[in-house]
Amino acid sequence: MTDLIAAALPASFLQLALAHFVALLSPGPDFFLIVGHAVRARLRGSALICAGIALGNAVYIALAVAGWAGMRNSPTLYNAIALAGACYLVWMGLLLLRSSRVPSGRCRAVEARAVLSGKSQFCAGLASALLNPKNALFYLTLMMGILGSEVTLTQQIAAGIWMVSVVLAWDLALAAGISHEAAQRFLAAKIPVIEGIAGLVLLAAAAGILLSSPVLR
């Protein structure tokens, strides 16, 4: 069994897993997207956002495994995705700011309207991950830089499955933690503020993308 695990995992797997998890600890657009929805809509209104984010990460991991370096070598493609991502972040940021104007003590009908449909949740998470070209560069660096050229396809796939699973588990744990009754009681009076902060952070991220884009310079 030990030999099979060793054959399936690259020698540098622990280094890759640690680098990947440390990156997850750094709050980014995905983090604030989940927090902004889970704080009012709870797990049922954010679980499929987590699934969409995981799938988006899986797509970029699969491209990295396939040796797809077009993102790194094509500034035009990178900038196009970055600008689309900025527009998406502006849209989500404005939605969260609008939601933040609804007092947290309003009736359950308001709470219910805060819950996106399953399809909308999934598409929101998928778009958040796919429209962030930094994800592509991050996974290219991990798969090519850390694993190296001697890694086998089986080992790349195993590492990819691990990373997607960790992304999904971490995001679901974040949403579940915010949805817990104790957390909800603590956050009850702060829900509009948290939504507002999440919305502003997404708008700031969009502004950062736009200001750094050579297209707008």
N, C-alpha and C. Protein backbone atom coordinates (compact mmCIF):
# COMPACT_ATOMS: atom_id res chain seq x y z
N MET A 1 0.82 -1.20 0.00
CA MET A 1 0.00 0.00 0.00
C MET A 1 0.86 1.26 0.00
N THR A 2 1.92 1.23 0.83
CA THR A 2 2.82 2.38 0.90
C THR A 2 3.49 2.64 -0.44
N ASP A 3 3.87 1.53 -1.12
CA ASP A 3 4.51 1.67 -2.43
C ASP A 3 3.54 2.27 -3.46
N LEU A 4 2.26 1.87 -3.37
CA LEU A 4 1.27 2.39 -4.31
C LEU A 4 1.06 3.89 -4.09
N ILE A 5 1.01 4.31 -2.81
CA ILE A 5 0.84 5.73 -2.50
C ILE A 5 2.04 6.52 -2.99
N ALA A 6 3.24 5.97 -2.76
CA ALA A 6 4.46 6.64 -3.19
C ALA A 6 4.51 6.79 -4.70
N ALA A 7 4.01 5.77 -5.41
CA ALA A 7 4.01 5.83 -6.87
C ALA A 7 2.98 6.83 -7.39
N ALA A 8 1.88 7.01 -6.64
CA ALA A 8 0.82 7.90 -7.08
C ALA A 8 1.11 9.36 -6.76
N LEU A 9 1.94 9.59 -5.75
CA LEU A 9 2.22 10.96 -5.33
C LEU A 9 3.67 11.32 -5.65
N PRO A 10 3.90 12.51 -6.17
CA PRO A 10 5.27 12.94 -6.47
C PRO A 10 6.07 13.16 -5.19
N ALA A 11 7.39 13.12 -5.30
CA ALA A 11 8.26 13.29 -4.14
C ALA A 11 8.07 14.66 -3.50
N SER A 12 7.73 15.64 -4.31
CA SER A 12 7.56 17.01 -3.82
C SER A 12 6.12 17.32 -3.43
N PHE A 13 5.31 16.27 -3.21
CA PHE A 13 3.89 16.49 -2.94
C PHE A 13 3.66 17.33 -1.68
N LEU A 14 4.40 17.05 -0.61
CA LEU A 14 4.21 17.80 0.63
C LEU A 14 4.52 19.28 0.43
N GLN A 15 5.55 19.57 -0.33
CA GLN A 15 5.90 20.96 -0.62
C GLN A 15 4.77 21.63 -1.40
N LEU A 16 4.25 20.92 -2.40
CA LEU A 16 3.15 21.46 -3.20
C LEU A 16 1.90 21.66 -2.35
N ALA A 17 1.56 20.65 -1.51
CA ALA A 17 0.36 20.74 -0.69
C ALA A 17 0.45 21.90 0.29
N LEU A 18 1.63 22.11 0.87
CA LEU A 18 1.81 23.21 1.82
C LEU A 18 1.68 24.56 1.12
N ALA A 19 2.33 24.71 -0.04
CA ALA A 19 2.26 25.97 -0.78
C ALA A 19 0.83 26.27 -1.19
N HIS A 20 0.11 25.24 -1.61
CA HIS A 20 -1.27 25.41 -2.03
C HIS A 20 -2.15 25.83 -0.86
N PHE A 21 -1.98 25.20 0.30
CA PHE A 21 -2.83 25.51 1.45
C PHE A 21 -2.53 26.90 2.00
N VAL A 22 -1.26 27.28 2.02
CA VAL A 22 -0.91 28.62 2.47
C VAL A 22 -1.57 29.68 1.58
N ALA A 23 -1.61 29.40 0.28
CA ALA A 23 -2.27 30.32 -0.65
C ALA A 23 -3.77 30.42 -0.35
N LEU A 24 -4.39 29.30 0.06
CA LEU A 24 -5.81 29.32 0.39
C LEU A 24 -6.08 30.20 1.61
N LEU A 25 -5.11 30.28 2.52
CA LEU A 25 -5.29 31.07 3.73
C LEU A 25 -5.28 32.57 3.45
N SER A 26 -4.80 32.95 2.28
CA SER A 26 -4.75 34.36 1.92
C SER A 26 -6.07 34.77 1.28
N PRO A 27 -6.87 35.62 1.96
CA PRO A 27 -8.20 35.97 1.43
C PRO A 27 -8.11 36.65 0.06
N GLY A 28 -8.88 36.15 -0.87
CA GLY A 28 -8.96 36.73 -2.21
C GLY A 28 -10.41 36.92 -2.59
N PRO A 29 -10.68 37.22 -3.86
CA PRO A 29 -12.06 37.42 -4.30
C PRO A 29 -12.99 36.25 -3.98
N ASP A 30 -12.49 35.02 -4.14
CA ASP A 30 -13.34 33.86 -3.84
C ASP A 30 -13.77 33.87 -2.37
N PHE A 31 -12.84 34.18 -1.48
CA PHE A 31 -13.11 34.22 -0.05
C PHE A 31 -14.23 35.22 0.25
N PHE A 32 -14.11 36.41 -0.27
CA PHE A 32 -15.10 37.45 0.03
C PHE A 32 -16.43 37.18 -0.67
N LEU A 33 -16.39 36.49 -1.80
CA LEU A 33 -17.63 36.10 -2.46
C LEU A 33 -18.41 35.13 -1.57
N ILE A 34 -17.71 34.15 -1.00
CA ILE A 34 -18.36 33.16 -0.13
C ILE A 34 -18.87 33.83 1.14
N VAL A 35 -18.01 34.63 1.78
CA VAL A 35 -18.40 35.29 3.03
C VAL A 35 -19.60 36.22 2.80
N GLY A 36 -19.56 36.97 1.71
CA GLY A 36 -20.63 37.92 1.44
C GLY A 36 -21.98 37.27 1.28
N HIS A 37 -22.02 36.03 0.79
CA HIS A 37 -23.29 35.33 0.62
C HIS A 37 -23.65 34.48 1.83
N ALA A 38 -22.66 33.81 2.41
CA ALA A 38 -22.94 32.91 3.53
C ALA A 38 -23.38 33.65 4.78
N VAL A 39 -22.95 34.89 4.94
CA VAL A 39 -23.29 35.62 6.16
C VAL A 39 -24.79 35.86 6.29
N ARG A 40 -25.51 35.95 5.17
CA ARG A 40 -26.96 36.11 5.22
C ARG A 40 -27.68 34.86 4.71
N ALA A 41 -27.20 34.29 3.62
CA ALA A 41 -27.89 33.16 2.99
C ALA A 41 -27.45 31.82 3.56
N ARG A 42 -26.42 31.83 4.40
CA ARG A 42 -25.93 30.62 5.07
C ARG A 42 -25.43 29.58 4.06
N LEU A 43 -25.29 28.34 4.54
CA LEU A 43 -24.69 27.30 3.70
C LEU A 43 -25.54 26.99 2.49
N ARG A 44 -26.86 27.00 2.64
CA ARG A 44 -27.73 26.65 1.50
C ARG A 44 -27.63 27.70 0.39
N GLY A 45 -27.22 28.90 0.74
CA GLY A 45 -27.09 29.94 -0.27
C GLY A 45 -25.68 30.14 -0.76
N SER A 46 -24.75 29.26 -0.36
CA SER A 46 -23.36 29.44 -0.78
C SER A 46 -22.64 28.13 -1.08
N ALA A 47 -23.26 26.99 -0.78
CA ALA A 47 -22.57 25.70 -0.98
C ALA A 47 -22.19 25.48 -2.45
N LEU A 48 -23.11 25.82 -3.35
CA LEU A 48 -22.81 25.60 -4.77
C LEU A 48 -21.87 26.67 -5.33
N ILE A 49 -21.74 27.80 -4.64
CA ILE A 49 -20.68 28.75 -4.99
C ILE A 49 -19.33 28.07 -4.77
N CYS A 50 -19.21 27.36 -3.65
CA CYS A 50 -17.97 26.63 -3.34
C CYS A 50 -17.69 25.57 -4.40
N ALA A 51 -18.74 24.87 -4.83
CA ALA A 51 -18.57 23.84 -5.86
C ALA A 51 -18.11 24.46 -7.18
N GLY A 52 -18.68 25.60 -7.53
CA GLY A 52 -18.28 26.28 -8.77
C GLY A 52 -16.83 26.74 -8.71
N ILE A 53 -16.42 27.26 -7.56
CA ILE A 53 -15.02 27.68 -7.39
C ILE A 53 -14.09 26.49 -7.54
N ALA A 54 -14.46 25.36 -6.94
CA ALA A 54 -13.63 24.15 -7.03
C ALA A 54 -13.50 23.69 -8.48
N LEU A 55 -14.61 23.74 -9.23
CA LEU A 55 -14.56 23.32 -10.64
C LEU A 55 -13.67 24.27 -11.44
N GLY A 56 -13.78 25.57 -11.18
CA GLY A 56 -12.92 26.53 -11.88
C GLY A 56 -11.45 26.26 -11.63
N ASN A 57 -11.11 25.94 -10.38
CA ASN A 57 -9.73 25.57 -10.06
C ASN A 57 -9.33 24.29 -10.78
N ALA A 58 -10.27 23.33 -10.87
CA ALA A 58 -9.98 22.07 -11.55
C ALA A 58 -9.66 22.30 -13.02
N VAL A 59 -10.36 23.24 -13.64
CA VAL A 59 -10.11 23.54 -15.06
C VAL A 59 -8.68 24.04 -15.25
N TYR A 60 -8.25 24.97 -14.40
CA TYR A 60 -6.89 25.51 -14.54
C TYR A 60 -5.84 24.47 -14.20
N ILE A 61 -6.14 23.59 -13.24
CA ILE A 61 -5.20 22.51 -12.92
C ILE A 61 -5.08 21.57 -14.12
N ALA A 62 -6.22 21.24 -14.74
CA ALA A 62 -6.18 20.36 -15.92
C ALA A 62 -5.38 20.99 -17.05
N LEU A 63 -5.52 22.29 -17.24
CA LEU A 63 -4.75 22.99 -18.28
C LEU A 63 -3.25 22.97 -17.95
N ALA A 64 -2.93 23.11 -16.66
CA ALA A 64 -1.53 23.05 -16.26
C ALA A 64 -0.95 21.66 -16.48
N VAL A 65 -1.75 20.62 -16.17
CA VAL A 65 -1.31 19.24 -16.40
C VAL A 65 -1.08 19.00 -17.89
N ALA A 66 -1.93 19.61 -18.71
CA ALA A 66 -1.81 19.45 -20.16
C ALA A 66 -0.64 20.24 -20.73
N GLY A 67 0.04 21.00 -19.87
CA GLY A 67 1.18 21.77 -20.34
C GLY A 67 0.79 23.03 -21.06
N TRP A 68 -0.40 23.52 -20.76
CA TRP A 68 -0.92 24.71 -21.44
C TRP A 68 -0.29 25.96 -20.85
N ALA A 69 0.67 26.54 -21.55
CA ALA A 69 1.37 27.73 -21.05
C ALA A 69 0.94 28.98 -21.80
N GLY A 70 -0.17 28.90 -22.51
CA GLY A 70 -0.62 30.04 -23.31
C GLY A 70 -0.89 31.27 -22.47
N MET A 71 -1.39 31.06 -21.25
CA MET A 71 -1.68 32.20 -20.38
C MET A 71 -0.41 32.99 -20.08
N ARG A 72 0.66 32.27 -19.85
CA ARG A 72 1.93 32.93 -19.51
C ARG A 72 2.54 33.62 -20.73
N ASN A 73 2.34 33.06 -21.90
CA ASN A 73 2.99 33.58 -23.10
C ASN A 73 2.11 34.49 -23.95
N SER A 74 0.88 34.72 -23.50
CA SER A 74 -0.03 35.55 -24.28
C SER A 74 -0.60 36.68 -23.42
N PRO A 75 0.05 37.83 -23.39
CA PRO A 75 -0.46 38.97 -22.61
C PRO A 75 -1.86 39.38 -23.01
N THR A 76 -2.19 39.25 -24.30
CA THR A 76 -3.52 39.63 -24.77
C THR A 76 -4.59 38.77 -24.12
N LEU A 77 -4.37 37.45 -24.11
CA LEU A 77 -5.32 36.54 -23.49
C LEU A 77 -5.44 36.82 -21.99
N TYR A 78 -4.30 37.01 -21.35
CA TYR A 78 -4.29 37.29 -19.91
C TYR A 78 -5.09 38.56 -19.61
N ASN A 79 -4.84 39.62 -20.36
CA ASN A 79 -5.52 40.89 -20.11
C ASN A 79 -7.01 40.80 -20.39
N ALA A 80 -7.39 40.03 -21.42
CA ALA A 80 -8.81 39.88 -21.74
C ALA A 80 -9.55 39.20 -20.59
N ILE A 81 -8.95 38.14 -20.04
CA ILE A 81 -9.57 37.43 -18.92
C ILE A 81 -9.60 38.32 -17.68
N ALA A 82 -8.50 39.06 -17.47
CA ALA A 82 -8.42 39.94 -16.31
C ALA A 82 -9.49 41.03 -16.36
N LEU A 83 -9.71 41.62 -17.53
CA LEU A 83 -10.72 42.67 -17.67
C LEU A 83 -12.13 42.11 -17.49
N ALA A 84 -12.37 40.91 -18.03
CA ALA A 84 -13.67 40.27 -17.82
C ALA A 84 -13.88 39.98 -16.34
N GLY A 85 -12.81 39.54 -15.68
CA GLY A 85 -12.90 39.28 -14.25
C GLY A 85 -13.17 40.54 -13.46
N ALA A 86 -12.56 41.65 -13.85
CA ALA A 86 -12.79 42.92 -13.16
C ALA A 86 -14.25 43.33 -13.27
N CYS A 87 -14.81 43.19 -14.47
CA CYS A 87 -16.23 43.54 -14.66
C CYS A 87 -17.13 42.65 -13.80
N TYR A 88 -16.78 41.38 -13.72
CA TYR A 88 -17.55 40.46 -12.89
C TYR A 88 -17.48 40.85 -11.41
N LEU A 89 -16.28 41.20 -10.93
CA LEU A 89 -16.12 41.60 -9.54
C LEU A 89 -16.90 42.88 -9.23
N VAL A 90 -16.94 43.81 -10.19
CA VAL A 90 -17.72 45.03 -10.00
C VAL A 90 -19.20 44.67 -9.83
N TRP A 91 -19.69 43.78 -10.67
CA TRP A 91 -21.09 43.37 -10.61
C TRP A 91 -21.42 42.72 -9.27
N MET A 92 -20.58 41.74 -8.84
CA MET A 92 -20.83 41.06 -7.57
C MET A 92 -20.66 42.02 -6.40
N GLY A 93 -19.70 42.91 -6.48
CA GLY A 93 -19.50 43.89 -5.41
C GLY A 93 -20.72 44.78 -5.24
N LEU A 94 -21.27 45.23 -6.34
CA LEU A 94 -22.46 46.10 -6.28
C LEU A 94 -23.67 45.34 -5.75
N LEU A 95 -23.80 44.06 -6.10
CA LEU A 95 -24.90 43.26 -5.56
C LEU A 95 -24.79 43.13 -4.05
N LEU A 96 -23.57 42.91 -3.55
CA LEU A 96 -23.39 42.79 -2.11
C LEU A 96 -23.64 44.12 -1.41
N LEU A 97 -23.22 45.21 -2.02
CA LEU A 97 -23.48 46.53 -1.43
C LEU A 97 -24.99 46.81 -1.37
N ARG A 98 -25.70 46.42 -2.41
CA ARG A 98 -27.15 46.60 -2.40
C ARG A 98 -27.80 45.76 -1.31
N SER A 99 -27.33 44.52 -1.16
CA SER A 99 -27.87 43.64 -0.13
C SER A 99 -27.56 44.18 1.27
N SER A 100 -26.41 44.85 1.41
CA SER A 100 -26.02 45.36 2.72
C SER A 100 -26.95 46.46 3.22
N ARG A 101 -27.75 47.02 2.34
CA ARG A 101 -28.68 48.07 2.75
C ARG A 101 -29.94 47.49 3.39
N VAL A 102 -30.09 46.15 3.31
CA VAL A 102 -31.24 45.49 3.94
C VAL A 102 -30.87 45.18 5.38
N PRO A 103 -31.57 45.73 6.38
CA PRO A 103 -31.24 45.46 7.78
C PRO A 103 -31.27 43.97 8.10
N SER A 104 -30.36 43.53 8.97
CA SER A 104 -30.27 42.10 9.29
C SER A 104 -31.47 41.60 10.05
N GLY A 105 -32.25 42.48 10.65
CA GLY A 105 -33.40 42.05 11.44
C GLY A 105 -34.68 41.93 10.63
N ARG A 106 -34.63 42.17 9.32
CA ARG A 106 -35.85 42.09 8.50
C ARG A 106 -36.39 40.66 8.48
N CYS A 107 -37.57 40.49 7.96
CA CYS A 107 -38.26 39.21 7.99
C CYS A 107 -37.57 38.15 7.14
N ARG A 108 -38.00 36.90 7.34
CA ARG A 108 -37.41 35.78 6.64
C ARG A 108 -37.61 35.85 5.13
N ALA A 109 -38.66 36.55 4.70
CA ALA A 109 -38.88 36.69 3.25
C ALA A 109 -37.71 37.39 2.60
N VAL A 110 -37.15 38.39 3.29
CA VAL A 110 -35.98 39.08 2.78
C VAL A 110 -34.79 38.14 2.76
N GLU A 111 -34.65 37.34 3.84
CA GLU A 111 -33.55 36.38 3.90
C GLU A 111 -33.65 35.39 2.74
N ALA A 112 -34.87 34.94 2.45
CA ALA A 112 -35.05 33.96 1.38
C ALA A 112 -34.64 34.53 0.04
N ARG A 113 -34.93 35.83 -0.18
CA ARG A 113 -34.57 36.44 -1.46
C ARG A 113 -33.07 36.59 -1.60
N ALA A 114 -32.34 36.54 -0.46
CA ALA A 114 -30.89 36.67 -0.52
C ALA A 114 -30.22 35.40 -1.01
N VAL A 115 -30.99 34.29 -1.05
CA VAL A 115 -30.43 33.00 -1.46
C VAL A 115 -30.50 32.88 -2.97
N LEU A 116 -29.34 32.75 -3.59
CA LEU A 116 -29.30 32.54 -5.03
C LEU A 116 -29.83 31.16 -5.37
N SER A 117 -30.36 30.99 -6.56
CA SER A 117 -30.74 29.66 -7.02
C SER A 117 -29.48 28.81 -7.14
N GLY A 118 -29.68 27.49 -7.18
CA GLY A 118 -28.53 26.60 -7.29
C GLY A 118 -27.69 26.90 -8.51
N LYS A 119 -28.36 27.15 -9.64
CA LYS A 119 -27.63 27.45 -10.88
C LYS A 119 -26.86 28.75 -10.75
N SER A 120 -27.48 29.77 -10.15
CA SER A 120 -26.81 31.07 -10.00
C SER A 120 -25.62 30.96 -9.06
N GLN A 121 -25.78 30.20 -7.98
CA GLN A 121 -24.66 29.97 -7.07
C GLN A 121 -23.48 29.36 -7.80
N PHE A 122 -23.76 28.26 -8.50
CA PHE A 122 -22.69 27.52 -9.18
C PHE A 122 -22.01 28.39 -10.22
N CYS A 123 -22.79 29.12 -11.01
CA CYS A 123 -22.21 29.98 -12.04
C CYS A 123 -21.39 31.11 -11.43
N ALA A 124 -21.85 31.65 -10.29
CA ALA A 124 -21.10 32.71 -9.62
C ALA A 124 -19.73 32.22 -9.17
N GLY A 125 -19.70 31.03 -8.55
CA GLY A 125 -18.43 30.47 -8.11
C GLY A 125 -17.51 30.12 -9.27
N LEU A 126 -18.08 29.53 -10.31
CA LEU A 126 -17.29 29.16 -11.48
C LEU A 126 -16.69 30.38 -12.15
N ALA A 127 -17.50 31.43 -12.30
CA ALA A 127 -17.02 32.65 -12.93
C ALA A 127 -15.93 33.29 -12.09
N SER A 128 -16.09 33.29 -10.76
CA SER A 128 -15.10 33.88 -9.88
C SER A 128 -13.74 33.22 -10.06
N ALA A 129 -13.72 31.90 -10.19
CA ALA A 129 -12.47 31.18 -10.36
C ALA A 129 -11.90 31.31 -11.76
N LEU A 130 -12.75 31.16 -12.77
CA LEU A 130 -12.26 31.17 -14.15
C LEU A 130 -11.84 32.56 -14.63
N LEU A 131 -12.48 33.60 -14.08
CA LEU A 131 -12.17 34.95 -14.53
C LEU A 131 -11.04 35.59 -13.72
N ASN A 132 -10.32 34.77 -12.99
CA ASN A 132 -9.14 35.24 -12.27
C ASN A 132 -7.91 34.58 -12.90
N PRO A 133 -7.25 35.25 -13.85
CA PRO A 133 -6.12 34.61 -14.55
C PRO A 133 -4.95 34.29 -13.63
N LYS A 134 -4.92 34.90 -12.44
CA LYS A 134 -3.85 34.56 -11.48
C LYS A 134 -3.94 33.10 -11.06
N ASN A 135 -5.16 32.54 -11.09
CA ASN A 135 -5.31 31.12 -10.78
C ASN A 135 -4.53 30.27 -11.78
N ALA A 136 -4.61 30.65 -13.05
CA ALA A 136 -3.89 29.89 -14.09
C ALA A 136 -2.39 29.94 -13.85
N LEU A 137 -1.86 31.13 -13.57
CA LEU A 137 -0.42 31.26 -13.35
C LEU A 137 0.01 30.55 -12.08
N PHE A 138 -0.85 30.58 -11.05
CA PHE A 138 -0.55 29.92 -9.79
C PHE A 138 -0.40 28.42 -9.98
N TYR A 139 -1.36 27.82 -10.68
CA TYR A 139 -1.30 26.37 -10.87
C TYR A 139 -0.21 25.96 -11.85
N LEU A 140 0.05 26.80 -12.84
CA LEU A 140 1.18 26.51 -13.72
C LEU A 140 2.49 26.50 -12.94
N THR A 141 2.63 27.45 -12.02
CA THR A 141 3.83 27.51 -11.19
C THR A 141 3.95 26.29 -10.30
N LEU A 142 2.83 25.91 -9.66
CA LEU A 142 2.85 24.74 -8.78
C LEU A 142 3.18 23.47 -9.55
N MET A 143 2.47 23.26 -10.65
CA MET A 143 2.61 21.99 -11.37
C MET A 143 3.93 21.89 -12.12
N MET A 144 4.42 23.01 -12.63
CA MET A 144 5.67 22.97 -13.39
C MET A 144 6.89 23.28 -12.52
N GLY A 145 6.72 24.25 -11.61
CA GLY A 145 7.85 24.67 -10.80
C GLY A 145 8.18 23.73 -9.67
N ILE A 146 7.15 23.32 -8.92
CA ILE A 146 7.39 22.48 -7.75
C ILE A 146 7.49 21.01 -8.13
N LEU A 147 6.56 20.53 -8.95
CA LEU A 147 6.59 19.11 -9.31
C LEU A 147 7.74 18.76 -10.25
N GLY A 148 8.12 19.70 -11.10
CA GLY A 148 9.25 19.46 -11.99
C GLY A 148 8.89 18.65 -13.22
N SER A 149 9.88 18.40 -14.03
CA SER A 149 9.66 17.74 -15.32
C SER A 149 9.63 16.22 -15.22
N GLU A 150 10.06 15.67 -14.09
CA GLU A 150 10.13 14.22 -13.95
C GLU A 150 8.83 13.61 -13.46
N VAL A 151 7.87 14.44 -13.09
CA VAL A 151 6.62 13.94 -12.54
C VAL A 151 5.82 13.20 -13.61
N THR A 152 5.13 12.14 -13.21
CA THR A 152 4.33 11.37 -14.15
C THR A 152 2.92 11.95 -14.25
N LEU A 153 2.20 11.55 -15.29
CA LEU A 153 0.83 12.01 -15.46
C LEU A 153 -0.04 11.57 -14.28
N THR A 154 0.16 10.33 -13.83
CA THR A 154 -0.61 9.82 -12.69
C THR A 154 -0.38 10.67 -11.46
N GLN A 155 0.87 11.05 -11.23
CA GLN A 155 1.19 11.88 -10.07
C GLN A 155 0.60 13.28 -10.20
N GLN A 156 0.60 13.83 -11.41
CA GLN A 156 -0.01 15.14 -11.64
C GLN A 156 -1.51 15.09 -11.36
N ILE A 157 -2.17 14.03 -11.85
CA ILE A 157 -3.61 13.89 -11.64
C ILE A 157 -3.92 13.74 -10.15
N ALA A 158 -3.11 12.93 -9.45
CA ALA A 158 -3.32 12.73 -8.01
C ALA A 158 -3.17 14.05 -7.26
N ALA A 159 -2.14 14.82 -7.61
CA ALA A 159 -1.93 16.12 -6.97
C ALA A 159 -3.07 17.08 -7.28
N GLY A 160 -3.55 17.04 -8.52
CA GLY A 160 -4.66 17.89 -8.91
C GLY A 160 -5.93 17.56 -8.15
N ILE A 161 -6.24 16.27 -8.03
CA ILE A 161 -7.43 15.84 -7.28
C ILE A 161 -7.33 16.30 -5.83
N TRP A 162 -6.13 16.19 -5.25
CA TRP A 162 -5.92 16.64 -3.88
C TRP A 162 -6.21 18.14 -3.75
N MET A 163 -5.67 18.94 -4.64
CA MET A 163 -5.84 20.39 -4.53
C MET A 163 -7.29 20.81 -4.72
N VAL A 164 -7.98 20.21 -5.67
CA VAL A 164 -9.40 20.54 -5.88
C VAL A 164 -10.21 20.15 -4.64
N SER A 165 -9.90 18.98 -4.07
CA SER A 165 -10.62 18.52 -2.88
C SER A 165 -10.39 19.48 -1.71
N VAL A 166 -9.15 19.96 -1.56
CA VAL A 166 -8.84 20.88 -0.47
C VAL A 166 -9.56 22.21 -0.66
N VAL A 167 -9.58 22.70 -1.90
CA VAL A 167 -10.30 23.95 -2.19
C VAL A 167 -11.78 23.82 -1.81
N LEU A 168 -12.40 22.72 -2.23
CA LEU A 168 -13.82 22.51 -1.94
C LEU A 168 -14.06 22.38 -0.44
N ALA A 169 -13.23 21.57 0.23
CA ALA A 169 -13.41 21.35 1.67
C ALA A 169 -13.21 22.64 2.46
N TRP A 170 -12.18 23.42 2.08
CA TRP A 170 -11.90 24.67 2.79
C TRP A 170 -13.05 25.68 2.61
N ASP A 171 -13.52 25.82 1.38
CA ASP A 171 -14.59 26.78 1.12
C ASP A 171 -15.89 26.38 1.79
N LEU A 172 -16.21 25.08 1.77
CA LEU A 172 -17.42 24.60 2.44
C LEU A 172 -17.30 24.79 3.96
N ALA A 173 -16.11 24.54 4.50
CA ALA A 173 -15.90 24.74 5.94
C ALA A 173 -16.08 26.20 6.31
N LEU A 174 -15.60 27.10 5.46
CA LEU A 174 -15.77 28.53 5.70
C LEU A 174 -17.25 28.90 5.71
N ALA A 175 -17.98 28.44 4.69
CA ALA A 175 -19.41 28.75 4.61
C ALA A 175 -20.18 28.12 5.77
N ALA A 176 -19.84 26.88 6.12
CA ALA A 176 -20.52 26.20 7.23
C ALA A 176 -20.24 26.89 8.55
N GLY A 177 -19.00 27.34 8.74
CA GLY A 177 -18.65 28.04 9.97
C GLY A 177 -19.45 29.32 10.13
N ILE A 178 -19.58 30.08 9.07
CA ILE A 178 -20.35 31.32 9.11
C ILE A 178 -21.83 31.02 9.32
N SER A 179 -22.29 29.86 8.82
CA SER A 179 -23.71 29.50 8.91
C SER A 179 -24.09 28.93 10.27
N HIS A 180 -23.12 28.55 11.09
CA HIS A 180 -23.40 27.96 12.39
C HIS A 180 -24.22 28.92 13.25
N GLU A 181 -25.14 28.37 14.03
CA GLU A 181 -26.03 29.21 14.84
C GLU A 181 -25.26 30.15 15.76
N ALA A 182 -24.20 29.66 16.39
CA ALA A 182 -23.42 30.51 17.29
C ALA A 182 -22.80 31.68 16.52
N ALA A 183 -22.27 31.37 15.33
CA ALA A 183 -21.68 32.43 14.51
C ALA A 183 -22.75 33.40 14.04
N GLN A 184 -23.93 32.89 13.70
CA GLN A 184 -25.00 33.75 13.25
C GLN A 184 -25.48 34.69 14.35
N ARG A 185 -25.55 34.17 15.59
CA ARG A 185 -25.95 35.02 16.71
C ARG A 185 -24.93 36.13 16.92
N PHE A 186 -23.65 35.77 16.79
CA PHE A 186 -22.58 36.76 16.98
C PHE A 186 -22.59 37.81 15.86
N LEU A 187 -22.90 37.34 14.64
CA LEU A 187 -22.83 38.22 13.48
C LEU A 187 -24.15 38.92 13.17
N ALA A 188 -25.22 38.58 13.90
CA ALA A 188 -26.56 39.04 13.56
C ALA A 188 -26.63 40.54 13.26
N ALA A 189 -26.06 41.35 14.14
CA ALA A 189 -26.14 42.80 13.95
C ALA A 189 -25.10 43.32 12.97
N LYS A 190 -24.19 42.45 12.55
CA LYS A 190 -23.08 42.89 11.71
C LYS A 190 -23.23 42.45 10.26
N ILE A 191 -24.33 41.73 9.93
CA ILE A 191 -24.48 41.18 8.59
C ILE A 191 -24.39 42.25 7.50
N PRO A 192 -25.13 43.35 7.60
CA PRO A 192 -25.01 44.37 6.55
C PRO A 192 -23.59 44.94 6.43
N VAL A 193 -22.92 45.09 7.58
CA VAL A 193 -21.55 45.62 7.56
C VAL A 193 -20.61 44.65 6.85
N ILE A 194 -20.74 43.35 7.16
CA ILE A 194 -19.88 42.34 6.54
C ILE A 194 -20.14 42.27 5.03
N GLU A 195 -21.42 42.31 4.64
CA GLU A 195 -21.75 42.31 3.22
C GLU A 195 -21.16 43.55 2.54
N GLY A 196 -21.27 44.68 3.21
CA GLY A 196 -20.72 45.92 2.66
C GLY A 196 -19.22 45.86 2.49
N ILE A 197 -18.53 45.32 3.51
CA ILE A 197 -17.07 45.19 3.42
C ILE A 197 -16.69 44.25 2.29
N ALA A 198 -17.40 43.10 2.20
CA ALA A 198 -17.12 42.14 1.13
C ALA A 198 -17.32 42.79 -0.24
N GLY A 199 -18.40 43.56 -0.37
CA GLY A 199 -18.66 44.24 -1.63
C GLY A 199 -17.58 45.24 -1.97
N LEU A 200 -17.13 46.01 -0.97
CA LEU A 200 -16.08 47.00 -1.20
C LEU A 200 -14.75 46.34 -1.56
N VAL A 201 -14.46 45.20 -0.92
CA VAL A 201 -13.22 44.49 -1.23
C VAL A 201 -13.23 44.00 -2.67
N LEU A 202 -14.38 43.47 -3.12
CA LEU A 202 -14.48 43.01 -4.51
C LEU A 202 -14.34 44.17 -5.48
N LEU A 203 -14.92 45.32 -5.14
CA LEU A 203 -14.76 46.50 -5.99
C LEU A 203 -13.32 46.98 -6.01
N ALA A 204 -12.65 46.91 -4.85
CA ALA A 204 -11.24 47.31 -4.78
C ALA A 204 -10.37 46.37 -5.60
N ALA A 205 -10.69 45.07 -5.56
CA ALA A 205 -9.94 44.09 -6.36
C ALA A 205 -10.13 44.38 -7.84
N ALA A 206 -11.36 44.72 -8.23
CA ALA A 206 -11.63 45.06 -9.63
C ALA A 206 -10.85 46.30 -10.03
N ALA A 207 -10.83 47.31 -9.14
CA ALA A 207 -10.09 48.54 -9.44
C ALA A 207 -8.61 48.26 -9.60
N GLY A 208 -8.08 47.37 -8.74
CA GLY A 208 -6.67 47.02 -8.85
C GLY A 208 -6.34 46.35 -10.17
N ILE A 209 -7.23 45.48 -10.64
CA ILE A 209 -7.03 44.82 -11.94
C ILE A 209 -7.06 45.84 -13.06
N LEU A 210 -8.04 46.75 -13.01
CA LEU A 210 -8.19 47.74 -14.07
C LEU A 210 -7.01 48.72 -14.10
N LEU A 211 -6.54 49.13 -12.93
CA LEU A 211 -5.44 50.09 -12.88
C LEU A 211 -4.11 49.48 -13.32
N SER A 212 -3.99 48.17 -13.13
CA SER A 212 -2.73 47.51 -13.53
C SER A 212 -2.76 47.01 -14.98
N SER A 213 -3.92 47.14 -15.62
CA SER A 213 -4.03 46.65 -16.99
C SER A 213 -3.37 47.62 -17.97
N PRO A 214 -2.49 47.12 -18.80
CA PRO A 214 -1.83 47.99 -19.79
C PRO A 214 -2.81 48.54 -20.82
N VAL A 215 -3.97 47.89 -20.94
CA VAL A 215 -4.98 48.36 -21.90
C VAL A 215 -5.49 49.73 -21.53
N LEU A 216 -5.56 50.00 -20.21
CA LEU A 216 -6.13 51.27 -19.75
C LEU A 216 -5.06 52.30 -19.40
N ARG A 217 -3.81 51.98 -19.62
CA ARG A 217 -2.75 52.93 -19.30
C ARG A 217 -2.55 53.92 -20.43
